[in-house]
């Protein structure tokens, strides 16, 4: 489920530091 959410966020915000932090988490 975490990966599903993360993939959607990456598509919408590919350069976001916030999304990159979620990737790290």
PDBML (XML) file of the C-alpha atoms, coordinates in Angstrom:
<?xml version="1.0" encoding="UTF-8" ?>
<PDBx:datablock datablockName="MODEL"
   xmlns:PDBx="http://pdbml.pdb.org/schema/pdbx-v50.xsd"
   xmlns:xsi="http://www.w3.org/2001/XMLSchema-instance"
   xsi:schemaLocation="http://pdbml.pdb.org/schema/pdbx-v50.xsd pdbx-v50.xsd">
   <PDBx:atom_siteCategory>
      <PDBx:atom_site id="1">
         <PDBx:B_iso_or_equiv>0.00</PDBx:B_iso_or_equiv>
         <PDBx:Cartn_x>0.000</PDBx:Cartn_x>
         <PDBx:Cartn_y>0.000</PDBx:Cartn_y>
         <PDBx:Cartn_z>0.000</PDBx:Cartn_z>
         <PDBx:auth_asym_id>A</PDBx:auth_asym_id>
         <PDBx:auth_atom_id>CA</PDBx:auth_atom_id>
         <PDBx:auth_comp_id>UNK</PDBx:auth_comp_id>
         <PDBx:auth_seq_id>1</PDBx:auth_seq_id>
         <PDBx:group_PDB>ATOM</PDBx:group_PDB>
         <PDBx:label_alt_id xsi:nil="true" />
         <PDBx:label_asym_id>A</PDBx:label_asym_id>
         <PDBx:label_atom_id>CA</PDBx:label_atom_id>
         <PDBx:label_comp_id>UNK</PDBx:label_comp_id>
         <PDBx:label_entity_id>1</PDBx:label_entity_id>
         <PDBx:label_seq_id>1</PDBx:label_seq_id>
         <PDBx:occupancy>1.00</PDBx:occupancy>
         <PDBx:pdbx_PDB_model_num>1</PDBx:pdbx_PDB_model_num>
         <PDBx:type_symbol>C</PDBx:type_symbol>
      </PDBx:atom_site>
      <PDBx:atom_site id="2">
         <PDBx:B_iso_or_equiv>0.00</PDBx:B_iso_or_equiv>
         <PDBx:Cartn_x>2.860</PDBx:Cartn_x>
         <PDBx:Cartn_y>2.389</PDBx:Cartn_y>
         <PDBx:Cartn_z>0.831</PDBx:Cartn_z>
         <PDBx:auth_asym_id>A</PDBx:auth_asym_id>
         <PDBx:auth_atom_id>CA</PDBx:auth_atom_id>
         <PDBx:auth_comp_id>UNK</PDBx:auth_comp_id>
         <PDBx:auth_seq_id>2</PDBx:auth_seq_id>
         <PDBx:group_PDB>ATOM</PDBx:group_PDB>
         <PDBx:label_alt_id xsi:nil="true" />
         <PDBx:label_asym_id>A</PDBx:label_asym_id>
         <PDBx:label_atom_id>CA</PDBx:label_atom_id>
         <PDBx:label_comp_id>UNK</PDBx:label_comp_id>
         <PDBx:label_entity_id>1</PDBx:label_entity_id>
         <PDBx:label_seq_id>2</PDBx:label_seq_id>
         <PDBx:occupancy>1.00</PDBx:occupancy>
         <PDBx:pdbx_PDB_model_num>1</PDBx:pdbx_PDB_model_num>
         <PDBx:type_symbol>C</PDBx:type_symbol>
      </PDBx:atom_site>
      <PDBx:atom_site id="3">
         <PDBx:B_iso_or_equiv>0.00</PDBx:B_iso_or_equiv>
         <PDBx:Cartn_x>4.399</PDBx:Cartn_x>
         <PDBx:Cartn_y>1.810</PDBx:Cartn_y>
         <PDBx:Cartn_z>-2.602</PDBx:Cartn_z>
         <PDBx:auth_asym_id>A</PDBx:auth_asym_id>
         <PDBx:auth_atom_id>CA</PDBx:auth_atom_id>
         <PDBx:auth_comp_id>UNK</PDBx:auth_comp_id>
         <PDBx:auth_seq_id>3</PDBx:auth_seq_id>
         <PDBx:group_PDB>ATOM</PDBx:group_PDB>
         <PDBx:label_alt_id xsi:nil="true" />
         <PDBx:label_asym_id>A</PDBx:label_asym_id>
         <PDBx:label_atom_id>CA</PDBx:label_atom_id>
         <PDBx:label_comp_id>UNK</PDBx:label_comp_id>
         <PDBx:label_entity_id>1</PDBx:label_entity_id>
         <PDBx:label_seq_id>3</PDBx:label_seq_id>
         <PDBx:occupancy>1.00</PDBx:occupancy>
         <PDBx:pdbx_PDB_model_num>1</PDBx:pdbx_PDB_model_num>
         <PDBx:type_symbol>C</PDBx:type_symbol>
      </PDBx:atom_site>
      <PDBx:atom_site id="4">
         <PDBx:B_iso_or_equiv>0.00</PDBx:B_iso_or_equiv>
         <PDBx:Cartn_x>1.064</PDBx:Cartn_x>
         <PDBx:Cartn_y>2.367</PDBx:Cartn_y>
         <PDBx:Cartn_z>-4.368</PDBx:Cartn_z>
         <PDBx:auth_asym_id>A</PDBx:auth_asym_id>
         <PDBx:auth_atom_id>CA</PDBx:auth_atom_id>
         <PDBx:auth_comp_id>UNK</PDBx:auth_comp_id>
         <PDBx:auth_seq_id>4</PDBx:auth_seq_id>
         <PDBx:group_PDB>ATOM</PDBx:group_PDB>
         <PDBx:label_alt_id xsi:nil="true" />
         <PDBx:label_asym_id>A</PDBx:label_asym_id>
         <PDBx:label_atom_id>CA</PDBx:label_atom_id>
         <PDBx:label_comp_id>UNK</PDBx:label_comp_id>
         <PDBx:label_entity_id>1</PDBx:label_entity_id>
         <PDBx:label_seq_id>4</PDBx:label_seq_id>
         <PDBx:occupancy>1.00</PDBx:occupancy>
         <PDBx:pdbx_PDB_model_num>1</PDBx:pdbx_PDB_model_num>
         <PDBx:type_symbol>C</PDBx:type_symbol>
      </PDBx:atom_site>
      <PDBx:atom_site id="5">
         <PDBx:B_iso_or_equiv>0.00</PDBx:B_iso_or_equiv>
         <PDBx:Cartn_x>0.643</PDBx:Cartn_x>
         <PDBx:Cartn_y>5.738</PDBx:Cartn_y>
         <PDBx:Cartn_z>-2.629</PDBx:Cartn_z>
         <PDBx:auth_asym_id>A</PDBx:auth_asym_id>
         <PDBx:auth_atom_id>CA</PDBx:auth_atom_id>
         <PDBx:auth_comp_id>UNK</PDBx:auth_comp_id>
         <PDBx:auth_seq_id>5</PDBx:auth_seq_id>
         <PDBx:group_PDB>ATOM</PDBx:group_PDB>
         <PDBx:label_alt_id xsi:nil="true" />
         <PDBx:label_asym_id>A</PDBx:label_asym_id>
         <PDBx:label_atom_id>CA</PDBx:label_atom_id>
         <PDBx:label_comp_id>UNK</PDBx:label_comp_id>
         <PDBx:label_entity_id>1</PDBx:label_entity_id>
         <PDBx:label_seq_id>5</PDBx:label_seq_id>
         <PDBx:occupancy>1.00</PDBx:occupancy>
         <PDBx:pdbx_PDB_model_num>1</PDBx:pdbx_PDB_model_num>
         <PDBx:type_symbol>C</PDBx:type_symbol>
      </PDBx:atom_site>
      <PDBx:atom_site id="6">
         <PDBx:B_iso_or_equiv>0.00</PDBx:B_iso_or_equiv>
         <PDBx:Cartn_x>4.268</PDBx:Cartn_x>
         <PDBx:Cartn_y>6.711</PDBx:Cartn_y>
         <PDBx:Cartn_z>-3.265</PDBx:Cartn_z>
         <PDBx:auth_asym_id>A</PDBx:auth_asym_id>
         <PDBx:auth_atom_id>CA</PDBx:auth_atom_id>
         <PDBx:auth_comp_id>UNK</PDBx:auth_comp_id>
         <PDBx:auth_seq_id>6</PDBx:auth_seq_id>
         <PDBx:group_PDB>ATOM</PDBx:group_PDB>
         <PDBx:label_alt_id xsi:nil="true" />
         <PDBx:label_asym_id>A</PDBx:label_asym_id>
         <PDBx:label_atom_id>CA</PDBx:label_atom_id>
         <PDBx:label_comp_id>UNK</PDBx:label_comp_id>
         <PDBx:label_entity_id>1</PDBx:label_entity_id>
         <PDBx:label_seq_id>6</PDBx:label_seq_id>
         <PDBx:occupancy>1.00</PDBx:occupancy>
         <PDBx:pdbx_PDB_model_num>1</PDBx:pdbx_PDB_model_num>
         <PDBx:type_symbol>C</PDBx:type_symbol>
      </PDBx:atom_site>
      <PDBx:atom_site id="7">
         <PDBx:B_iso_or_equiv>0.00</PDBx:B_iso_or_equiv>
         <PDBx:Cartn_x>4.049</PDBx:Cartn_x>
         <PDBx:Cartn_y>5.933</PDBx:Cartn_y>
         <PDBx:Cartn_z>-6.977</PDBx:Cartn_z>
         <PDBx:auth_asym_id>A</PDBx:auth_asym_id>
         <PDBx:auth_atom_id>CA</PDBx:auth_atom_id>
         <PDBx:auth_comp_id>UNK</PDBx:auth_comp_id>
         <PDBx:auth_seq_id>7</PDBx:auth_seq_id>
         <PDBx:group_PDB>ATOM</PDBx:group_PDB>
         <PDBx:label_alt_id xsi:nil="true" />
         <PDBx:label_asym_id>A</PDBx:label_asym_id>
         <PDBx:label_atom_id>CA</PDBx:label_atom_id>
         <PDBx:label_comp_id>UNK</PDBx:label_comp_id>
         <PDBx:label_entity_id>1</PDBx:label_entity_id>
         <PDBx:label_seq_id>7</PDBx:label_seq_id>
         <PDBx:occupancy>1.00</PDBx:occupancy>
         <PDBx:pdbx_PDB_model_num>1</PDBx:pdbx_PDB_model_num>
         <PDBx:type_symbol>C</PDBx:type_symbol>
      </PDBx:atom_site>
      <PDBx:atom_site id="8">
         <PDBx:B_iso_or_equiv>0.00</PDBx:B_iso_or_equiv>
         <PDBx:Cartn_x>1.006</PDBx:Cartn_x>
         <PDBx:Cartn_y>8.179</PDBx:Cartn_y>
         <PDBx:Cartn_z>-7.359</PDBx:Cartn_z>
         <PDBx:auth_asym_id>A</PDBx:auth_asym_id>
         <PDBx:auth_atom_id>CA</PDBx:auth_atom_id>
         <PDBx:auth_comp_id>UNK</PDBx:auth_comp_id>
         <PDBx:auth_seq_id>8</PDBx:auth_seq_id>
         <PDBx:group_PDB>ATOM</PDBx:group_PDB>
         <PDBx:label_alt_id xsi:nil="true" />
         <PDBx:label_asym_id>A</PDBx:label_asym_id>
         <PDBx:label_atom_id>CA</PDBx:label_atom_id>
         <PDBx:label_comp_id>UNK</PDBx:label_comp_id>
         <PDBx:label_entity_id>1</PDBx:label_entity_id>
         <PDBx:label_seq_id>8</PDBx:label_seq_id>
         <PDBx:occupancy>1.00</PDBx:occupancy>
         <PDBx:pdbx_PDB_model_num>1</PDBx:pdbx_PDB_model_num>
         <PDBx:type_symbol>C</PDBx:type_symbol>
      </PDBx:atom_site>
      <PDBx:atom_site id="9">
         <PDBx:B_iso_or_equiv>0.00</PDBx:B_iso_or_equiv>
         <PDBx:Cartn_x>2.763</PDBx:Cartn_x>
         <PDBx:Cartn_y>11.004</PDBx:Cartn_y>
         <PDBx:Cartn_z>-5.532</PDBx:Cartn_z>
         <PDBx:auth_asym_id>A</PDBx:auth_asym_id>
         <PDBx:auth_atom_id>CA</PDBx:auth_atom_id>
         <PDBx:auth_comp_id>UNK</PDBx:auth_comp_id>
         <PDBx:auth_seq_id>9</PDBx:auth_seq_id>
         <PDBx:group_PDB>ATOM</PDBx:group_PDB>
         <PDBx:label_alt_id xsi:nil="true" />
         <PDBx:label_asym_id>A</PDBx:label_asym_id>
         <PDBx:label_atom_id>CA</PDBx:label_atom_id>
         <PDBx:label_comp_id>UNK</PDBx:label_comp_id>
         <PDBx:label_entity_id>1</PDBx:label_entity_id>
         <PDBx:label_seq_id>9</PDBx:label_seq_id>
         <PDBx:occupancy>1.00</PDBx:occupancy>
         <PDBx:pdbx_PDB_model_num>1</PDBx:pdbx_PDB_model_num>
         <PDBx:type_symbol>C</PDBx:type_symbol>
      </PDBx:atom_site>
      <PDBx:atom_site id="10">
         <PDBx:B_iso_or_equiv>0.00</PDBx:B_iso_or_equiv>
         <PDBx:Cartn_x>5.886</PDBx:Cartn_x>
         <PDBx:Cartn_y>10.602</PDBx:Cartn_y>
         <PDBx:Cartn_z>-7.675</PDBx:Cartn_z>
         <PDBx:auth_asym_id>A</PDBx:auth_asym_id>
         <PDBx:auth_atom_id>CA</PDBx:auth_atom_id>
         <PDBx:auth_comp_id>UNK</PDBx:auth_comp_id>
         <PDBx:auth_seq_id>10</PDBx:auth_seq_id>
         <PDBx:group_PDB>ATOM</PDBx:group_PDB>
         <PDBx:label_alt_id xsi:nil="true" />
         <PDBx:label_asym_id>A</PDBx:label_asym_id>
         <PDBx:label_atom_id>CA</PDBx:label_atom_id>
         <PDBx:label_comp_id>UNK</PDBx:label_comp_id>
         <PDBx:label_entity_id>1</PDBx:label_entity_id>
         <PDBx:label_seq_id>10</PDBx:label_seq_id>
         <PDBx:occupancy>1.00</PDBx:occupancy>
         <PDBx:pdbx_PDB_model_num>1</PDBx:pdbx_PDB_model_num>
         <PDBx:type_symbol>C</PDBx:type_symbol>
      </PDBx:atom_site>
      <PDBx:atom_site id="11">
         <PDBx:B_iso_or_equiv>0.00</PDBx:B_iso_or_equiv>
         <PDBx:Cartn_x>3.828</PDBx:Cartn_x>
         <PDBx:Cartn_y>10.907</PDBx:Cartn_y>
         <PDBx:Cartn_z>-10.850</PDBx:Cartn_z>
         <PDBx:auth_asym_id>A</PDBx:auth_asym_id>
         <PDBx:auth_atom_id>CA</PDBx:auth_atom_id>
         <PDBx:auth_comp_id>UNK</PDBx:auth_comp_id>
         <PDBx:auth_seq_id>11</PDBx:auth_seq_id>
         <PDBx:group_PDB>ATOM</PDBx:group_PDB>
         <PDBx:label_alt_id xsi:nil="true" />
         <PDBx:label_asym_id>A</PDBx:label_asym_id>
         <PDBx:label_atom_id>CA</PDBx:label_atom_id>
         <PDBx:label_comp_id>UNK</PDBx:label_comp_id>
         <PDBx:label_entity_id>1</PDBx:label_entity_id>
         <PDBx:label_seq_id>11</PDBx:label_seq_id>
         <PDBx:occupancy>1.00</PDBx:occupancy>
         <PDBx:pdbx_PDB_model_num>1</PDBx:pdbx_PDB_model_num>
         <PDBx:type_symbol>C</PDBx:type_symbol>
      </PDBx:atom_site>
      <PDBx:atom_site id="12">
         <PDBx:B_iso_or_equiv>0.00</PDBx:B_iso_or_equiv>
         <PDBx:Cartn_x>2.188</PDBx:Cartn_x>
         <PDBx:Cartn_y>14.106</PDBx:Cartn_y>
         <PDBx:Cartn_z>-9.650</PDBx:Cartn_z>
         <PDBx:auth_asym_id>A</PDBx:auth_asym_id>
         <PDBx:auth_atom_id>CA</PDBx:auth_atom_id>
         <PDBx:auth_comp_id>UNK</PDBx:auth_comp_id>
         <PDBx:auth_seq_id>12</PDBx:auth_seq_id>
         <PDBx:group_PDB>ATOM</PDBx:group_PDB>
         <PDBx:label_alt_id xsi:nil="true" />
         <PDBx:label_asym_id>A</PDBx:label_asym_id>
         <PDBx:label_atom_id>CA</PDBx:label_atom_id>
         <PDBx:label_comp_id>UNK</PDBx:label_comp_id>
         <PDBx:label_entity_id>1</PDBx:label_entity_id>
         <PDBx:label_seq_id>12</PDBx:label_seq_id>
         <PDBx:occupancy>1.00</PDBx:occupancy>
         <PDBx:pdbx_PDB_model_num>1</PDBx:pdbx_PDB_model_num>
         <PDBx:type_symbol>C</PDBx:type_symbol>
      </PDBx:atom_site>
      <PDBx:atom_site id="13">
         <PDBx:B_iso_or_equiv>0.00</PDBx:B_iso_or_equiv>
         <PDBx:Cartn_x>5.231</PDBx:Cartn_x>
         <PDBx:Cartn_y>15.691</PDBx:Cartn_y>
         <PDBx:Cartn_z>-7.945</PDBx:Cartn_z>
         <PDBx:auth_asym_id>A</PDBx:auth_asym_id>
         <PDBx:auth_atom_id>CA</PDBx:auth_atom_id>
         <PDBx:auth_comp_id>UNK</PDBx:auth_comp_id>
         <PDBx:auth_seq_id>13</PDBx:auth_seq_id>
         <PDBx:group_PDB>ATOM</PDBx:group_PDB>
         <PDBx:label_alt_id xsi:nil="true" />
         <PDBx:label_asym_id>A</PDBx:label_asym_id>
         <PDBx:label_atom_id>CA</PDBx:label_atom_id>
         <PDBx:label_comp_id>UNK</PDBx:label_comp_id>
         <PDBx:label_entity_id>1</PDBx:label_entity_id>
         <PDBx:label_seq_id>13</PDBx:label_seq_id>
         <PDBx:occupancy>1.00</PDBx:occupancy>
         <PDBx:pdbx_PDB_model_num>1</PDBx:pdbx_PDB_model_num>
         <PDBx:type_symbol>C</PDBx:type_symbol>
      </PDBx:atom_site>
      <PDBx:atom_site id="14">
         <PDBx:B_iso_or_equiv>0.00</PDBx:B_iso_or_equiv>
         <PDBx:Cartn_x>8.369</PDBx:Cartn_x>
         <PDBx:Cartn_y>14.227</PDBx:Cartn_y>
         <PDBx:Cartn_z>-9.594</PDBx:Cartn_z>
         <PDBx:auth_asym_id>A</PDBx:auth_asym_id>
         <PDBx:auth_atom_id>CA</PDBx:auth_atom_id>
         <PDBx:auth_comp_id>UNK</PDBx:auth_comp_id>
         <PDBx:auth_seq_id>14</PDBx:auth_seq_id>
         <PDBx:group_PDB>ATOM</PDBx:group_PDB>
         <PDBx:label_alt_id xsi:nil="true" />
         <PDBx:label_asym_id>A</PDBx:label_asym_id>
         <PDBx:label_atom_id>CA</PDBx:label_atom_id>
         <PDBx:label_comp_id>UNK</PDBx:label_comp_id>
         <PDBx:label_entity_id>1</PDBx:label_entity_id>
         <PDBx:label_seq_id>14</PDBx:label_seq_id>
         <PDBx:occupancy>1.00</PDBx:occupancy>
         <PDBx:pdbx_PDB_model_num>1</PDBx:pdbx_PDB_model_num>
         <PDBx:type_symbol>C</PDBx:type_symbol>
      </PDBx:atom_site>
      <PDBx:atom_site id="15">
         <PDBx:B_iso_or_equiv>0.00</PDBx:B_iso_or_equiv>
         <PDBx:Cartn_x>10.774</PDBx:Cartn_x>
         <PDBx:Cartn_y>16.859</PDBx:Cartn_y>
         <PDBx:Cartn_z>-8.224</PDBx:Cartn_z>
         <PDBx:auth_asym_id>A</PDBx:auth_asym_id>
         <PDBx:auth_atom_id>CA</PDBx:auth_atom_id>
         <PDBx:auth_comp_id>UNK</PDBx:auth_comp_id>
         <PDBx:auth_seq_id>15</PDBx:auth_seq_id>
         <PDBx:group_PDB>ATOM</PDBx:group_PDB>
         <PDBx:label_alt_id xsi:nil="true" />
         <PDBx:label_asym_id>A</PDBx:label_asym_id>
         <PDBx:label_atom_id>CA</PDBx:label_atom_id>
         <PDBx:label_comp_id>UNK</PDBx:label_comp_id>
         <PDBx:label_entity_id>1</PDBx:label_entity_id>
         <PDBx:label_seq_id>15</PDBx:label_seq_id>
         <PDBx:occupancy>1.00</PDBx:occupancy>
         <PDBx:pdbx_PDB_model_num>1</PDBx:pdbx_PDB_model_num>
         <PDBx:type_symbol>C</PDBx:type_symbol>
      </PDBx:atom_site>
      <PDBx:atom_site id="16">
         <PDBx:B_iso_or_equiv>0.00</PDBx:B_iso_or_equiv>
         <PDBx:Cartn_x>9.269</PDBx:Cartn_x>
         <PDBx:Cartn_y>17.362</PDBx:Cartn_y>
         <PDBx:Cartn_z>-4.775</PDBx:Cartn_z>
         <PDBx:auth_asym_id>A</PDBx:auth_asym_id>
         <PDBx:auth_atom_id>CA</PDBx:auth_atom_id>
         <PDBx:auth_comp_id>UNK</PDBx:auth_comp_id>
         <PDBx:auth_seq_id>16</PDBx:auth_seq_id>
         <PDBx:group_PDB>ATOM</PDBx:group_PDB>
         <PDBx:label_alt_id xsi:nil="true" />
         <PDBx:label_asym_id>A</PDBx:label_asym_id>
         <PDBx:label_atom_id>CA</PDBx:label_atom_id>
         <PDBx:label_comp_id>UNK</PDBx:label_comp_id>
         <PDBx:label_entity_id>1</PDBx:label_entity_id>
         <PDBx:label_seq_id>16</PDBx:label_seq_id>
         <PDBx:occupancy>1.00</PDBx:occupancy>
         <PDBx:pdbx_PDB_model_num>1</PDBx:pdbx_PDB_model_num>
         <PDBx:type_symbol>C</PDBx:type_symbol>
      </PDBx:atom_site>
      <PDBx:atom_site id="17">
         <PDBx:B_iso_or_equiv>0.00</PDBx:B_iso_or_equiv>
         <PDBx:Cartn_x>11.629</PDBx:Cartn_x>
         <PDBx:Cartn_y>17.164</PDBx:Cartn_y>
         <PDBx:Cartn_z>-1.798</PDBx:Cartn_z>
         <PDBx:auth_asym_id>A</PDBx:auth_asym_id>
         <PDBx:auth_atom_id>CA</PDBx:auth_atom_id>
         <PDBx:auth_comp_id>UNK</PDBx:auth_comp_id>
         <PDBx:auth_seq_id>17</PDBx:auth_seq_id>
         <PDBx:group_PDB>ATOM</PDBx:group_PDB>
         <PDBx:label_alt_id xsi:nil="true" />
         <PDBx:label_asym_id>A</PDBx:label_asym_id>
         <PDBx:label_atom_id>CA</PDBx:label_atom_id>
         <PDBx:label_comp_id>UNK</PDBx:label_comp_id>
         <PDBx:label_entity_id>1</PDBx:label_entity_id>
         <PDBx:label_seq_id>17</PDBx:label_seq_id>
         <PDBx:occupancy>1.00</PDBx:occupancy>
         <PDBx:pdbx_PDB_model_num>1</PDBx:pdbx_PDB_model_num>
         <PDBx:type_symbol>C</PDBx:type_symbol>
      </PDBx:atom_site>
      <PDBx:atom_site id="18">
         <PDBx:B_iso_or_equiv>0.00</PDBx:B_iso_or_equiv>
         <PDBx:Cartn_x>8.657</PDBx:Cartn_x>
         <PDBx:Cartn_y>16.094</PDBx:Cartn_y>
         <PDBx:Cartn_z>0.294</PDBx:Cartn_z>
         <PDBx:auth_asym_id>A</PDBx:auth_asym_id>
         <PDBx:auth_atom_id>CA</PDBx:auth_atom_id>
         <PDBx:auth_comp_id>UNK</PDBx:auth_comp_id>
         <PDBx:auth_seq_id>18</PDBx:auth_seq_id>
         <PDBx:group_PDB>ATOM</PDBx:group_PDB>
         <PDBx:label_alt_id xsi:nil="true" />
         <PDBx:label_asym_id>A</PDBx:label_asym_id>
         <PDBx:label_atom_id>CA</PDBx:label_atom_id>
         <PDBx:label_comp_id>UNK</PDBx:label_comp_id>
         <PDBx:label_entity_id>1</PDBx:label_entity_id>
         <PDBx:label_seq_id>18</PDBx:label_seq_id>
         <PDBx:occupancy>1.00</PDBx:occupancy>
         <PDBx:pdbx_PDB_model_num>1</PDBx:pdbx_PDB_model_num>
         <PDBx:type_symbol>C</PDBx:type_symbol>
      </PDBx:atom_site>
      <PDBx:atom_site id="19">
         <PDBx:B_iso_or_equiv>0.00</PDBx:B_iso_or_equiv>
         <PDBx:Cartn_x>8.043</PDBx:Cartn_x>
         <PDBx:Cartn_y>13.080</PDBx:Cartn_y>
         <PDBx:Cartn_z>-1.942</PDBx:Cartn_z>
         <PDBx:auth_asym_id>A</PDBx:auth_asym_id>
         <PDBx:auth_atom_id>CA</PDBx:auth_atom_id>
         <PDBx:auth_comp_id>UNK</PDBx:auth_comp_id>
         <PDBx:auth_seq_id>19</PDBx:auth_seq_id>
         <PDBx:group_PDB>ATOM</PDBx:group_PDB>
         <PDBx:label_alt_id xsi:nil="true" />
         <PDBx:label_asym_id>A</PDBx:label_asym_id>
         <PDBx:label_atom_id>CA</PDBx:label_atom_id>
         <PDBx:label_comp_id>UNK</PDBx:label_comp_id>
         <PDBx:label_entity_id>1</PDBx:label_entity_id>
         <PDBx:label_seq_id>19</PDBx:label_seq_id>
         <PDBx:occupancy>1.00</PDBx:occupancy>
         <PDBx:pdbx_PDB_model_num>1</PDBx:pdbx_PDB_model_num>
         <PDBx:type_symbol>C</PDBx:type_symbol>
      </PDBx:atom_site>
      <PDBx:atom_site id="20">
         <PDBx:B_iso_or_equiv>0.00</PDBx:B_iso_or_equiv>
         <PDBx:Cartn_x>11.766</PDBx:Cartn_x>
         <PDBx:Cartn_y>12.270</PDBx:Cartn_y>
         <PDBx:Cartn_z>-1.970</PDBx:Cartn_z>
         <PDBx:auth_asym_id>A</PDBx:auth_asym_id>
         <PDBx:auth_atom_id>CA</PDBx:auth_atom_id>
         <PDBx:auth_comp_id>UNK</PDBx:auth_comp_id>
         <PDBx:auth_seq_id>20</PDBx:auth_seq_id>
         <PDBx:group_PDB>ATOM</PDBx:group_PDB>
         <PDBx:label_alt_id xsi:nil="true" />
         <PDBx:label_asym_id>A</PDBx:label_asym_id>
         <PDBx:label_atom_id>CA</PDBx:label_atom_id>
         <PDBx:label_comp_id>UNK</PDBx:label_comp_id>
         <PDBx:label_entity_id>1</PDBx:label_entity_id>
         <PDBx:label_seq_id>20</PDBx:label_seq_id>
         <PDBx:occupancy>1.00</PDBx:occupancy>
         <PDBx:pdbx_PDB_model_num>1</PDBx:pdbx_PDB_model_num>
         <PDBx:type_symbol>C</PDBx:type_symbol>
      </PDBx:atom_site>
      <PDBx:atom_site id="21">
         <PDBx:B_iso_or_equiv>0.00</PDBx:B_iso_or_equiv>
         <PDBx:Cartn_x>11.671</PDBx:Cartn_x>
         <PDBx:Cartn_y>12.274</PDBx:Cartn_y>
         <PDBx:Cartn_z>1.831</PDBx:Cartn_z>
         <PDBx:auth_asym_id>A</PDBx:auth_asym_id>
         <PDBx:auth_atom_id>CA</PDBx:auth_atom_id>
         <PDBx:auth_comp_id>UNK</PDBx:auth_comp_id>
         <PDBx:auth_seq_id>21</PDBx:auth_seq_id>
         <PDBx:group_PDB>ATOM</PDBx:group_PDB>
         <PDBx:label_alt_id xsi:nil="true" />
         <PDBx:label_asym_id>A</PDBx:label_asym_id>
         <PDBx:label_atom_id>CA</PDBx:label_atom_id>
         <PDBx:label_comp_id>UNK</PDBx:label_comp_id>
         <PDBx:label_entity_id>1</PDBx:label_entity_id>
         <PDBx:label_seq_id>21</PDBx:label_seq_id>
         <PDBx:occupancy>1.00</PDBx:occupancy>
         <PDBx:pdbx_PDB_model_num>1</PDBx:pdbx_PDB_model_num>
         <PDBx:type_symbol>C</PDBx:type_symbol>
      </PDBx:atom_site>
      <PDBx:atom_site id="22">
         <PDBx:B_iso_or_equiv>0.00</PDBx:B_iso_or_equiv>
         <PDBx:Cartn_x>8.750</PDBx:Cartn_x>
         <PDBx:Cartn_y>9.832</PDBx:Cartn_y>
         <PDBx:Cartn_z>1.731</PDBx:Cartn_z>
         <PDBx:auth_asym_id>A</PDBx:auth_asym_id>
         <PDBx:auth_atom_id>CA</PDBx:auth_atom_id>
         <PDBx:auth_comp_id>UNK</PDBx:auth_comp_id>
         <PDBx:auth_seq_id>22</PDBx:auth_seq_id>
         <PDBx:group_PDB>ATOM</PDBx:group_PDB>
         <PDBx:label_alt_id xsi:nil="true" />
         <PDBx:label_asym_id>A</PDBx:label_asym_id>
         <PDBx:label_atom_id>CA</PDBx:label_atom_id>
         <PDBx:label_comp_id>UNK</PDBx:label_comp_id>
         <PDBx:label_entity_id>1</PDBx:label_entity_id>
         <PDBx:label_seq_id>22</PDBx:label_seq_id>
         <PDBx:occupancy>1.00</PDBx:occupancy>
         <PDBx:pdbx_PDB_model_num>1</PDBx:pdbx_PDB_model_num>
         <PDBx:type_symbol>C</PDBx:type_symbol>
      </PDBx:atom_site>
      <PDBx:atom_site id="23">
         <PDBx:B_iso_or_equiv>0.00</PDBx:B_iso_or_equiv>
         <PDBx:Cartn_x>10.865</PDBx:Cartn_x>
         <PDBx:Cartn_y>7.616</PDBx:Cartn_y>
         <PDBx:Cartn_z>-0.545</PDBx:Cartn_z>
         <PDBx:auth_asym_id>A</PDBx:auth_asym_id>
         <PDBx:auth_atom_id>CA</PDBx:auth_atom_id>
         <PDBx:auth_comp_id>UNK</PDBx:auth_comp_id>
         <PDBx:auth_seq_id>23</PDBx:auth_seq_id>
         <PDBx:group_PDB>ATOM</PDBx:group_PDB>
         <PDBx:label_alt_id xsi:nil="true" />
         <PDBx:label_asym_id>A</PDBx:label_asym_id>
         <PDBx:label_atom_id>CA</PDBx:label_atom_id>
         <PDBx:label_comp_id>UNK</PDBx:label_comp_id>
         <PDBx:label_entity_id>1</PDBx:label_entity_id>
         <PDBx:label_seq_id>23</PDBx:label_seq_id>
         <PDBx:occupancy>1.00</PDBx:occupancy>
         <PDBx:pdbx_PDB_model_num>1</PDBx:pdbx_PDB_model_num>
         <PDBx:type_symbol>C</PDBx:type_symbol>
      </PDBx:atom_site>
      <PDBx:atom_site id="24">
         <PDBx:B_iso_or_equiv>0.00</PDBx:B_iso_or_equiv>
         <PDBx:Cartn_x>13.588</PDBx:Cartn_x>
         <PDBx:Cartn_y>7.693</PDBx:Cartn_y>
         <PDBx:Cartn_z>2.095</PDBx:Cartn_z>
         <PDBx:auth_asym_id>A</PDBx:auth_asym_id>
         <PDBx:auth_atom_id>CA</PDBx:auth_atom_id>
         <PDBx:auth_comp_id>UNK</PDBx:auth_comp_id>
         <PDBx:auth_seq_id>24</PDBx:auth_seq_id>
         <PDBx:group_PDB>ATOM</PDBx:group_PDB>
         <PDBx:label_alt_id xsi:nil="true" />
         <PDBx:label_asym_id>A</PDBx:label_asym_id>
         <PDBx:label_atom_id>CA</PDBx:label_atom_id>
         <PDBx:label_comp_id>UNK</PDBx:label_comp_id>
         <PDBx:label_entity_id>1</PDBx:label_entity_id>
         <PDBx:label_seq_id>24</PDBx:label_seq_id>
         <PDBx:occupancy>1.00</PDBx:occupancy>
         <PDBx:pdbx_PDB_model_num>1</PDBx:pdbx_PDB_model_num>
         <PDBx:type_symbol>C</PDBx:type_symbol>
      </PDBx:atom_site>
      <PDBx:atom_site id="25">
         <PDBx:B_iso_or_equiv>0.00</PDBx:B_iso_or_equiv>
         <PDBx:Cartn_x>11.097</PDBx:Cartn_x>
         <PDBx:Cartn_y>6.799</PDBx:Cartn_y>
         <PDBx:Cartn_z>4.820</PDBx:Cartn_z>
         <PDBx:auth_asym_id>A</PDBx:auth_asym_id>
         <PDBx:auth_atom_id>CA</PDBx:auth_atom_id>
         <PDBx:auth_comp_id>UNK</PDBx:auth_comp_id>
         <PDBx:auth_seq_id>25</PDBx:auth_seq_id>
         <PDBx:group_PDB>ATOM</PDBx:group_PDB>
         <PDBx:label_alt_id xsi:nil="true" />
         <PDBx:label_asym_id>A</PDBx:label_asym_id>
         <PDBx:label_atom_id>CA</PDBx:label_atom_id>
         <PDBx:label_comp_id>UNK</PDBx:label_comp_id>
         <PDBx:label_entity_id>1</PDBx:label_entity_id>
         <PDBx:label_seq_id>25</PDBx:label_seq_id>
         <PDBx:occupancy>1.00</PDBx:occupancy>
         <PDBx:pdbx_PDB_model_num>1</PDBx:pdbx_PDB_model_num>
         <PDBx:type_symbol>C</PDBx:type_symbol>
      </PDBx:atom_site>
   </PDBx:atom_siteCategory>
</PDBx:datablock>
